[in-house]
Amino acid sequence: FLGRDKPTNILAFSMKEGEFSALNPSLLGDLVISIETAKRQSKRFGLNEMEMITLLMIHGILHLLGYEHEGTKKGAREMALKQKELFQMIIGK
């Protein structure tokens, strides 16, 4: 979907953009998580599979809320801090 020659762990599709954005204003959008990729990455992050999926859900929701890590170092830093904060609140790690 992204036109990259490698798997991605999560895709976030905003319902706040596009021609149907007014259809249901309370919906943020959809998340699609690659469980296979999450399983592989969980070892690298030192997380179990469910923790990795939770981290990816947080990451995707932050994208739906407007956070962006590609493009600027400031944006990447802000998103990483918020992601860590939310993950610690949920998982305690």
PDB file of N, CA and C in Angstrom:
ATOM      1  N   PHE A   1       0.819  -1.202   0.000  1.00  0.00           N
ATOM      2  CA  PHE A   1       0.000   0.000   0.000  1.00  0.00           C
ATOM      3  C   PHE A   1       0.859   1.261   0.000  1.00  0.00           C
ATOM      4  N   LEU A   2       1.948   1.250   0.758  1.00  0.00           N
ATOM      5  CA  LEU A   2       2.801   2.434   0.865  1.00  0.00           C
ATOM      6  C   LEU A   2       3.811   2.539  -0.277  1.00  0.00           C
ATOM      7  N   GLY A   3       3.885   1.506  -1.105  1.00  0.00           N
ATOM      8  CA  GLY A   3       4.838   1.525  -2.209  1.00  0.00           C
ATOM      9  C   GLY A   3       6.260   1.249  -1.760  1.00  0.00           C
ATOM     10  N   ARG A   4       6.419   0.600  -0.631  1.00  0.00           N
ATOM     11  CA  ARG A   4       7.749   0.267  -0.107  1.00  0.00           C
ATOM     12  C   ARG A   4       8.019  -1.210  -0.352  1.00  0.00           C
ATOM     13  N   ASP A   5       9.273  -1.549  -0.524  1.00  0.00           N
ATOM     14  CA  ASP A   5       9.655  -2.920  -0.812  1.00  0.00           C
ATOM     15  C   ASP A   5      10.004  -3.682   0.470  1.00  0.00           C
ATOM     16  N   LYS A   6       9.189  -3.501   1.487  1.00  0.00           N
ATOM     17  CA  LYS A   6       9.370  -4.220   2.745  1.00  0.00           C
ATOM     18  C   LYS A   6       8.053  -4.173   3.505  1.00  0.00           C
ATOM     19  N   PRO A   7       7.842  -5.137   4.400  1.00  0.00           N
ATOM     20  CA  PRO A   7       6.588  -5.124   5.154  1.00  0.00           C
ATOM     21  C   PRO A   7       6.545  -3.971   6.151  1.00  0.00           C
ATOM     22  N   THR A   8       5.354  -3.523   6.442  1.00  0.00           N
ATOM     23  CA  THR A   8       5.165  -2.503   7.466  1.00  0.00           C
ATOM     24  C   THR A   8       4.404  -3.135   8.623  1.00  0.00           C
ATOM     25  N   ASN A   9       4.537  -2.562   9.796  1.00  0.00           N
ATOM     26  CA  ASN A   9       3.905  -3.159  10.966  1.00  0.00           C
ATOM     27  C   ASN A   9       2.467  -2.675  11.166  1.00  0.00           C
ATOM     28  N   ILE A  10       2.188  -1.446  10.787  1.00  0.00           N
ATOM     29  CA  ILE A  10       0.834  -0.910  10.974  1.00  0.00           C
ATOM     30  C   ILE A  10       0.520   0.142   9.916  1.00  0.00           C
ATOM     31  N   LEU A  11      -0.733   0.158   9.510  1.00  0.00           N
ATOM     32  CA  LEU A  11      -1.246   1.207   8.626  1.00  0.00           C
ATOM     33  C   LEU A  11      -2.411   1.880   9.340  1.00  0.00           C
ATOM     34  N   ALA A  12      -2.474   3.190   9.243  1.00  0.00           N
ATOM     35  CA  ALA A  12      -3.562   3.958   9.843  1.00  0.00           C
ATOM     36  C   ALA A  12      -4.293   4.705   8.729  1.00  0.00           C
ATOM     37  N   PHE A  13      -5.587   4.469   8.643  1.00  0.00           N
ATOM     38  CA  PHE A  13      -6.422   5.108   7.628  1.00  0.00           C
ATOM     39  C   PHE A  13      -7.392   6.061   8.323  1.00  0.00           C
ATOM     40  N   SER A  14      -7.176   7.332   8.136  1.00  0.00           N
ATOM     41  CA  SER A  14      -7.973   8.354   8.807  1.00  0.00           C
ATOM     42  C   SER A  14      -9.362   8.474   8.195  1.00  0.00           C
ATOM     43  N   MET A  15     -10.345   8.627   9.064  1.00  0.00           N
ATOM     44  CA  MET A  15     -11.712   8.924   8.616  1.00  0.00           C
ATOM     45  C   MET A  15     -11.964  10.432   8.684  1.00  0.00           C
ATOM     46  N   LYS A  16     -10.948  11.187   9.053  1.00  0.00           N
ATOM     47  CA  LYS A  16     -11.074  12.642   9.161  1.00  0.00           C
ATOM     48  C   LYS A  16     -10.673  13.331   7.859  1.00  0.00           C
ATOM     49  N   GLU A  17     -10.269  12.540   6.868  1.00  0.00           N
ATOM     50  CA  GLU A  17      -9.818  13.084   5.587  1.00  0.00           C
ATOM     51  C   GLU A  17     -10.616  12.448   4.456  1.00  0.00           C
ATOM     52  N   GLY A  18     -10.660  13.108   3.332  1.00  0.00           N
ATOM     53  CA  GLY A  18     -11.292  12.535   2.156  1.00  0.00           C
ATOM     54  C   GLY A  18     -12.753  12.898   2.021  1.00  0.00           C
ATOM     55  N   GLU A  19     -13.361  12.374   0.957  1.00  0.00           N
ATOM     56  CA  GLU A  19     -14.723  12.782   0.617  1.00  0.00           C
ATOM     57  C   GLU A  19     -15.783  12.299   1.603  1.00  0.00           C
ATOM     58  N   PHE A  20     -15.498  11.263   2.386  1.00  0.00           N
ATOM     59  CA  PHE A  20     -16.480  10.748   3.346  1.00  0.00           C
ATOM     60  C   PHE A  20     -16.148  11.134   4.786  1.00  0.00           C
ATOM     61  N   SER A  21     -15.326  12.134   4.969  1.00  0.00           N
ATOM     62  CA  SER A  21     -14.882  12.515   6.315  1.00  0.00           C
ATOM     63  C   SER A  21     -16.018  12.990   7.219  1.00  0.00           C
ATOM     64  N   ALA A  22     -17.096  13.483   6.655  1.00  0.00           N
ATOM     65  CA  ALA A  22     -18.222  13.966   7.465  1.00  0.00           C
ATOM     66  C   ALA A  22     -19.232  12.867   7.780  1.00  0.00           C
ATOM     67  N   LEU A  23     -19.018  11.673   7.245  1.00  0.00           N
ATOM     68  CA  LEU A  23     -19.958  10.575   7.404  1.00  0.00           C
ATOM     69  C   LEU A  23     -20.215  10.236   8.868  1.00  0.00           C
ATOM     70  N   ASN A  24     -19.163  10.105   9.655  1.00  0.00           N
ATOM     71  CA  ASN A  24     -19.295   9.827  11.086  1.00  0.00           C
ATOM     72  C   ASN A  24     -18.163  10.553  11.807  1.00  0.00           C
ATOM     73  N   PRO A  25     -18.398  11.787  12.237  1.00  0.00           N
ATOM     74  CA  PRO A  25     -17.336  12.616  12.816  1.00  0.00           C
ATOM     75  C   PRO A  25     -16.698  12.037  14.078  1.00  0.00           C
ATOM     76  N   SER A  26     -17.353  11.077  14.723  1.00  0.00           N
ATOM     77  CA  SER A  26     -16.778  10.528  15.958  1.00  0.00           C
ATOM     78  C   SER A  26     -15.762   9.417  15.696  1.00  0.00           C
ATOM     79  N   LEU A  27     -15.665   8.939  14.453  1.00  0.00           N
ATOM     80  CA  LEU A  27     -14.681   7.902  14.124  1.00  0.00           C
ATOM     81  C   LEU A  27     -13.346   8.533  13.765  1.00  0.00           C
ATOM     82  N   LEU A  28     -12.280   8.018  14.350  1.00  0.00           N
ATOM     83  CA  LEU A  28     -10.939   8.469  13.978  1.00  0.00           C
ATOM     84  C   LEU A  28     -10.488   7.808  12.688  1.00  0.00           C
ATOM     85  N   GLY A  29     -10.695   6.503  12.579  1.00  0.00           N
ATOM     86  CA  GLY A  29     -10.260   5.779  11.394  1.00  0.00           C
ATOM     87  C   GLY A  29     -10.041   4.320  11.700  1.00  0.00           C
ATOM     88  N   ASP A  30      -9.311   3.665  10.819  1.00  0.00           N
ATOM     89  CA  ASP A  30      -9.039   2.237  10.933  1.00  0.00           C
ATOM     90  C   ASP A  30      -7.550   1.991  11.070  1.00  0.00           C
ATOM     91  N   LEU A  31      -7.221   0.939  11.814  1.00  0.00           N
ATOM     92  CA  LEU A  31      -5.843   0.486  11.943  1.00  0.00           C
ATOM     93  C   LEU A  31      -5.746  -0.918  11.379  1.00  0.00           C
ATOM     94  N   VAL A  32      -4.691  -1.189  10.629  1.00  0.00           N
ATOM     95  CA  VAL A  32      -4.418  -2.523  10.126  1.00  0.00           C
ATOM     96  C   VAL A  32      -3.030  -2.897  10.624  1.00  0.00           C
ATOM     97  N   ILE A  33      -2.965  -3.954  11.442  1.00  0.00           N
ATOM     98  CA  ILE A  33      -1.701  -4.385  12.045  1.00  0.00           C
ATOM     99  C   ILE A  33      -1.261  -5.688  11.404  1.00  0.00           C
ATOM    100  N   SER A  34      -0.009  -5.738  10.981  1.00  0.00           N
ATOM    101  CA  SER A  34       0.583  -6.978  10.489  1.00  0.00           C
ATOM    102  C   SER A  34       1.064  -7.774  11.703  1.00  0.00           C
ATOM    103  N   ILE A  35       0.318  -8.821  12.040  1.00  0.00           N
ATOM    104  CA  ILE A  35       0.659  -9.638  13.202  1.00  0.00           C
ATOM    105  C   ILE A  35       2.010 -10.323  12.989  1.00  0.00           C
ATOM    106  N   GLU A  36       2.264 -10.794  11.781  1.00  0.00           N
ATOM    107  CA  GLU A  36       3.557 -11.439  11.481  1.00  0.00           C
ATOM    108  C   GLU A  36       4.718 -10.481  11.732  1.00  0.00           C
ATOM    109  N   THR A  37       4.579  -9.255  11.257  1.00  0.00           N
ATOM    110  CA  THR A  37       5.640  -8.266  11.457  1.00  0.00           C
ATOM    111  C   THR A  37       5.763  -7.913  12.930  1.00  0.00           C
ATOM    112  N   ALA A  38       4.644  -7.777  13.614  1.00  0.00           N
ATOM    113  CA  ALA A  38       4.661  -7.470  15.051  1.00  0.00           C
ATOM    114  C   ALA A  38       5.373  -8.573  15.830  1.00  0.00           C
ATOM    115  N   LYS A  39       5.115  -9.824  15.490  1.00  0.00           N
ATOM    116  CA  LYS A  39       5.785 -10.939  16.164  1.00  0.00           C
ATOM    117  C   LYS A  39       7.293 -10.858  15.977  1.00  0.00           C
ATOM    118  N   ARG A  40       7.734 -10.600  14.749  1.00  0.00           N
ATOM    119  CA  ARG A  40       9.180 -10.480  14.487  1.00  0.00           C
ATOM    120  C   ARG A  40       9.784  -9.313  15.261  1.00  0.00           C
ATOM    121  N   GLN A  41       9.106  -8.188  15.265  1.00  0.00           N
ATOM    122  CA  GLN A  41       9.642  -6.993  15.907  1.00  0.00           C
ATOM    123  C   GLN A  41       9.600  -7.069  17.425  1.00  0.00           C
ATOM    124  N   SER A  42       8.721  -7.871  17.976  1.00  0.00           N
ATOM    125  CA  SER A  42       8.601  -7.945  19.432  1.00  0.00           C
ATOM    126  C   SER A  42       9.919  -8.370  20.077  1.00  0.00           C
ATOM    127  N   LYS A  43      10.626  -9.276  19.463  1.00  0.00           N
ATOM    128  CA  LYS A  43      11.924  -9.719  20.000  1.00  0.00           C
ATOM    129  C   LYS A  43      12.926  -8.569  20.033  1.00  0.00           C
ATOM    130  N   ARG A  44      12.951  -7.787  18.957  1.00  0.00           N
ATOM    131  CA  ARG A  44      13.883  -6.655  18.868  1.00  0.00           C
ATOM    132  C   ARG A  44      13.580  -5.593  19.917  1.00  0.00           C
ATOM    133  N   PHE A  45      12.305  -5.409  20.244  1.00  0.00           N
ATOM    134  CA  PHE A  45      11.899  -4.404  21.222  1.00  0.00           C
ATOM    135  C   PHE A  45      11.896  -4.939  22.654  1.00  0.00           C
ATOM    136  N   GLY A  46      12.108  -6.241  22.810  1.00  0.00           N
ATOM    137  CA  GLY A  46      12.103  -6.835  24.143  1.00  0.00           C
ATOM    138  C   GLY A  46      10.712  -6.902  24.747  1.00  0.00           C
ATOM    139  N   LEU A  47       9.703  -7.085  23.902  1.00  0.00           N
ATOM    140  CA  LEU A  47       8.315  -7.126  24.337  1.00  0.00           C
ATOM    141  C   LEU A  47       7.710  -8.479  23.974  1.00  0.00           C
ATOM    142  N   ASN A  48       6.666  -8.877  24.701  1.00  0.00           N
ATOM    143  CA  ASN A  48       5.943 -10.052  24.237  1.00  0.00           C
ATOM    144  C   ASN A  48       5.022  -9.617  23.096  1.00  0.00           C
ATOM    145  N   GLU A  49       4.414 -10.571  22.436  1.00  0.00           N
ATOM    146  CA  GLU A  49       3.631 -10.251  21.240  1.00  0.00           C
ATOM    147  C   GLU A  49       2.466  -9.304  21.524  1.00  0.00           C
ATOM    148  N   MET A  50       1.769  -9.509  22.626  1.00  0.00           N
ATOM    149  CA  MET A  50       0.628  -8.641  22.951  1.00  0.00           C
ATOM    150  C   MET A  50       1.087  -7.221  23.278  1.00  0.00           C
ATOM    151  N   GLU A  51       2.207  -7.096  23.954  1.00  0.00           N
ATOM    152  CA  GLU A  51       2.751  -5.763  24.241  1.00  0.00           C
ATOM    153  C   GLU A  51       3.134  -5.052  22.943  1.00  0.00           C
ATOM    154  N   MET A  52       3.687  -5.794  22.000  1.00  0.00           N
ATOM    155  CA  MET A  52       4.076  -5.201  20.721  1.00  0.00           C
ATOM    156  C   MET A  52       2.842  -4.741  19.953  1.00  0.00           C
ATOM    157  N   ILE A  53       1.806  -5.546  19.965  1.00  0.00           N
ATOM    158  CA  ILE A  53       0.564  -5.157  19.293  1.00  0.00           C
ATOM    159  C   ILE A  53      -0.034  -3.921  19.961  1.00  0.00           C
ATOM    160  N   THR A  54       0.030  -3.857  21.271  1.00  0.00           N
ATOM    161  CA  THR A  54      -0.454  -2.682  22.005  1.00  0.00           C
ATOM    162  C   THR A  54       0.355  -1.449  21.613  1.00  0.00           C
ATOM    163  N   LEU A  55       1.668  -1.588  21.539  1.00  0.00           N
ATOM    164  CA  LEU A  55       2.527  -0.471  21.124  1.00  0.00           C
ATOM    165  C   LEU A  55       2.163  -0.002  19.718  1.00  0.00           C
ATOM    166  N   LEU A  56       1.920  -0.941  18.825  1.00  0.00           N
ATOM    167  CA  LEU A  56       1.547  -0.567  17.457  1.00  0.00           C
ATOM    168  C   LEU A  56       0.175   0.106  17.412  1.00  0.00           C
ATOM    169  N   MET A  57      -0.753  -0.355  18.233  1.00  0.00           N
ATOM    170  CA  MET A  57      -2.064   0.301  18.291  1.00  0.00           C
ATOM    171  C   MET A  57      -1.916   1.750  18.766  1.00  0.00           C
ATOM    172  N   ILE A  58      -1.108   1.961  19.782  1.00  0.00           N
ATOM    173  CA  ILE A  58      -0.854   3.320  20.273  1.00  0.00           C
ATOM    174  C   ILE A  58      -0.250   4.160  19.155  1.00  0.00           C
ATOM    175  N   HIS A  59       0.736   3.596  18.470  1.00  0.00           N
ATOM    176  CA  HIS A  59       1.414   4.293  17.370  1.00  0.00           C
ATOM    177  C   HIS A  59       0.392   4.694  16.291  1.00  0.00           C
ATOM    178  N   GLY A  60      -0.451   3.758  15.907  1.00  0.00           N
ATOM    179  CA  GLY A  60      -1.450   4.041  14.877  1.00  0.00           C
ATOM    180  C   GLY A  60      -2.465   5.080  15.309  1.00  0.00           C
ATOM    181  N   ILE A  61      -2.922   4.991  16.548  1.00  0.00           N
ATOM    182  CA  ILE A  61      -3.888   5.973  17.057  1.00  0.00           C
ATOM    183  C   ILE A  61      -3.264   7.365  17.088  1.00  0.00           C
ATOM    184  N   LEU A  62      -2.001   7.448  17.460  1.00  0.00           N
ATOM    185  CA  LEU A  62      -1.325   8.754  17.443  1.00  0.00           C
ATOM    186  C   LEU A  62      -1.289   9.324  16.025  1.00  0.00           C
ATOM    187  N   HIS A  63      -1.062   8.467  15.031  1.00  0.00           N
ATOM    188  CA  HIS A  63      -1.126   8.943  13.642  1.00  0.00           C
ATOM    189  C   HIS A  63      -2.522   9.473  13.331  1.00  0.00           C
ATOM    190  N   LEU A  64      -3.553   8.764  13.766  1.00  0.00           N
ATOM    191  CA  LEU A  64      -4.924   9.211  13.503  1.00  0.00           C
ATOM    192  C   LEU A  64      -5.239  10.527  14.198  1.00  0.00           C
ATOM    193  N   LEU A  65      -4.525  10.801  15.286  1.00  0.00           N
ATOM    194  CA  LEU A  65      -4.717  12.066  16.007  1.00  0.00           C
ATOM    195  C   LEU A  65      -3.850  13.196  15.455  1.00  0.00           C
ATOM    196  N   GLY A  66      -3.044  12.886  14.434  1.00  0.00           N
ATOM    197  CA  GLY A  66      -2.257  13.930  13.783  1.00  0.00           C
ATOM    198  C   GLY A  66      -0.769  13.917  14.073  1.00  0.00           C
ATOM    199  N   TYR A  67      -0.306  13.018  14.919  1.00  0.00           N
ATOM    200  CA  TYR A  67       1.132  12.919  15.180  1.00  0.00           C
ATOM    201  C   TYR A  67       1.825  12.330  13.954  1.00  0.00           C
ATOM    202  N   GLU A  68       3.043  12.795  13.692  1.00  0.00           N
ATOM    203  CA  GLU A  68       3.803  12.314  12.547  1.00  0.00           C
ATOM    204  C   GLU A  68       5.275  12.223  12.917  1.00  0.00           C
ATOM    205  N   HIS A  69       5.904  11.101  12.581  1.00  0.00           N
ATOM    206  CA  HIS A  69       7.318  10.913  12.903  1.00  0.00           C
ATOM    207  C   HIS A  69       8.209  11.006  11.689  1.00  0.00           C
ATOM    208  N   GLU A  70       7.640  10.993  10.518  1.00  0.00           N
ATOM    209  CA  GLU A  70       8.432  11.116   9.297  1.00  0.00           C
ATOM    210  C   GLU A  70       8.383  12.565   8.837  1.00  0.00           C
ATOM    211  N   GLY A  71       9.521  13.136   8.612  1.00  0.00           N
ATOM    212  CA  GLY A  71       9.549  14.511   8.117  1.00  0.00           C
ATOM    213  C   GLY A  71      10.371  15.443   8.975  1.00  0.00           C
ATOM    214  N   THR A  72      10.087  15.488  10.276  1.00  0.00           N
ATOM    215  CA  THR A  72      10.855  16.389  11.141  1.00  0.00           C
ATOM    216  C   THR A  72      11.315  15.654  12.393  1.00  0.00           C
ATOM    217  N   LYS A  73      12.476  16.043  12.873  1.00  0.00           N
ATOM    218  CA  LYS A  73      12.989  15.459  14.114  1.00  0.00           C
ATOM    219  C   LYS A  73      12.104  15.842  15.295  1.00  0.00           C
ATOM    220  N   LYS A  74      11.588  17.068  15.271  1.00  0.00           N
ATOM    221  CA  LYS A  74      10.716  17.529  16.348  1.00  0.00           C
ATOM    222  C   LYS A  74       9.450  16.678  16.410  1.00  0.00           C
ATOM    223  N   GLY A  75       8.838  16.435  15.261  1.00  0.00           N
ATOM    224  CA  GLY A  75       7.644  15.606  15.205  1.00  0.00           C
ATOM    225  C   GLY A  75       7.918  14.182  15.668  1.00  0.00           C
ATOM    226  N   ALA A  76       9.051  13.646  15.251  1.00  0.00           N
ATOM    227  CA  ALA A  76       9.429  12.286  15.654  1.00  0.00           C
ATOM    228  C   ALA A  76       9.634  12.214  17.161  1.00  0.00           C
ATOM    229  N   ARG A  77      10.270  13.225  17.716  1.00  0.00           N
ATOM    230  CA  ARG A  77      10.526  13.270  19.162  1.00  0.00           C
ATOM    231  C   ARG A  77       9.217  13.369  19.943  1.00  0.00           C
ATOM    232  N   GLU A  78       8.328  14.246  19.504  1.00  0.00           N
ATOM    233  CA  GLU A  78       7.035  14.429  20.177  1.00  0.00           C
ATOM    234  C   GLU A  78       6.219  13.133  20.144  1.00  0.00           C
ATOM    235  N   MET A  79       6.211  12.491  18.986  1.00  0.00           N
ATOM    236  CA  MET A  79       5.434  11.266  18.860  1.00  0.00           C
ATOM    237  C   MET A  79       6.041  10.159  19.721  1.00  0.00           C
ATOM    238  N   ALA A  80       7.356  10.041  19.724  1.00  0.00           N
ATOM    239  CA  ALA A  80       8.022   9.007  20.517  1.00  0.00           C
ATOM    240  C   ALA A  80       7.755   9.201  22.008  1.00  0.00           C
ATOM    241  N   LEU A  81       7.800  10.433  22.471  1.00  0.00           N
ATOM    242  CA  LEU A  81       7.531  10.708  23.890  1.00  0.00           C
ATOM    243  C   LEU A  81       6.093  10.370  24.267  1.00  0.00           C
ATOM    244  N   LYS A  82       5.147  10.761  23.432  1.00  0.00           N
ATOM    245  CA  LYS A  82       3.735  10.478  23.708  1.00  0.00           C
ATOM    246  C   LYS A  82       3.475   8.974  23.642  1.00  0.00           C
ATOM    247  N   GLN A  83       4.083   8.309  22.687  1.00  0.00           N
ATOM    248  CA  GLN A  83       3.932   6.865  22.562  1.00  0.00           C
ATOM    249  C   GLN A  83       4.466   6.153  23.797  1.00  0.00           C
ATOM    250  N   LYS A  84       5.625   6.562  24.258  1.00  0.00           N
ATOM    251  CA  LYS A  84       6.225   5.956  25.456  1.00  0.00           C
ATOM    252  C   LYS A  84       5.348   6.209  26.683  1.00  0.00           C
ATOM    253  N   GLU A  85       4.869   7.430  26.819  1.00  0.00           N
ATOM    254  CA  GLU A  85       4.011   7.794  27.954  1.00  0.00           C
ATOM    255  C   GLU A  85       2.749   6.933  27.991  1.00  0.00           C
ATOM    256  N   LEU A  86       2.083   6.807  26.856  1.00  0.00           N
ATOM    257  CA  LEU A  86       0.850   6.027  26.798  1.00  0.00           C
ATOM    258  C   LEU A  86       1.108   4.537  27.010  1.00  0.00           C
ATOM    259  N   PHE A  87       2.197   4.031  26.436  1.00  0.00           N
ATOM    260  CA  PHE A  87       2.536   2.626  26.605  1.00  0.00           C
ATOM    261  C   PHE A  87       2.808   2.307  28.072  1.00  0.00           C
ATOM    262  N   GLN A  88       3.537   3.185  28.735  1.00  0.00           N
ATOM    263  CA  GLN A  88       3.820   2.981  30.158  1.00  0.00           C
ATOM    264  C   GLN A  88       2.543   3.019  30.994  1.00  0.00           C
ATOM    265  N   MET A  89       1.611   3.893  30.629  1.00  0.00           N
ATOM    266  CA  MET A  89       0.332   3.973  31.344  1.00  0.00           C
ATOM    267  C   MET A  89      -0.458   2.673  31.193  1.00  0.00           C
ATOM    268  N   ILE A  90      -0.418   2.092  30.021  1.00  0.00           N
ATOM    269  CA  ILE A  90      -1.225   0.904  29.728  1.00  0.00           C
ATOM    270  C   ILE A  90      -0.533  -0.373  30.208  1.00  0.00           C
ATOM    271  N   ILE A  91       0.738  -0.513  29.878  1.00  0.00           N
ATOM    272  CA  ILE A  91       1.470  -1.766  30.141  1.00  0.00           C
ATOM    273  C   ILE A  91       2.279  -1.693  31.429  1.00  0.00           C
ATOM    274  N   GLY A  92       2.778  -0.517  31.736  1.00  0.00           N
ATOM    275  CA  GLY A  92       3.607  -0.375  32.942  1.00  0.00           C
ATOM    276  C   GLY A  92       5.076  -0.624  32.688  1.00  0.00           C
ATOM    277  N   LYS A  93       5.501  -0.640  31.419  1.00  0.00           N
ATOM    278  CA  LYS A  93       6.923  -0.836  31.096  1.00  0.00           C
ATOM    279  C   LYS A  93       7.535   0.471  30.674  1.00  0.00           C
TER     280      LYS A  93
END
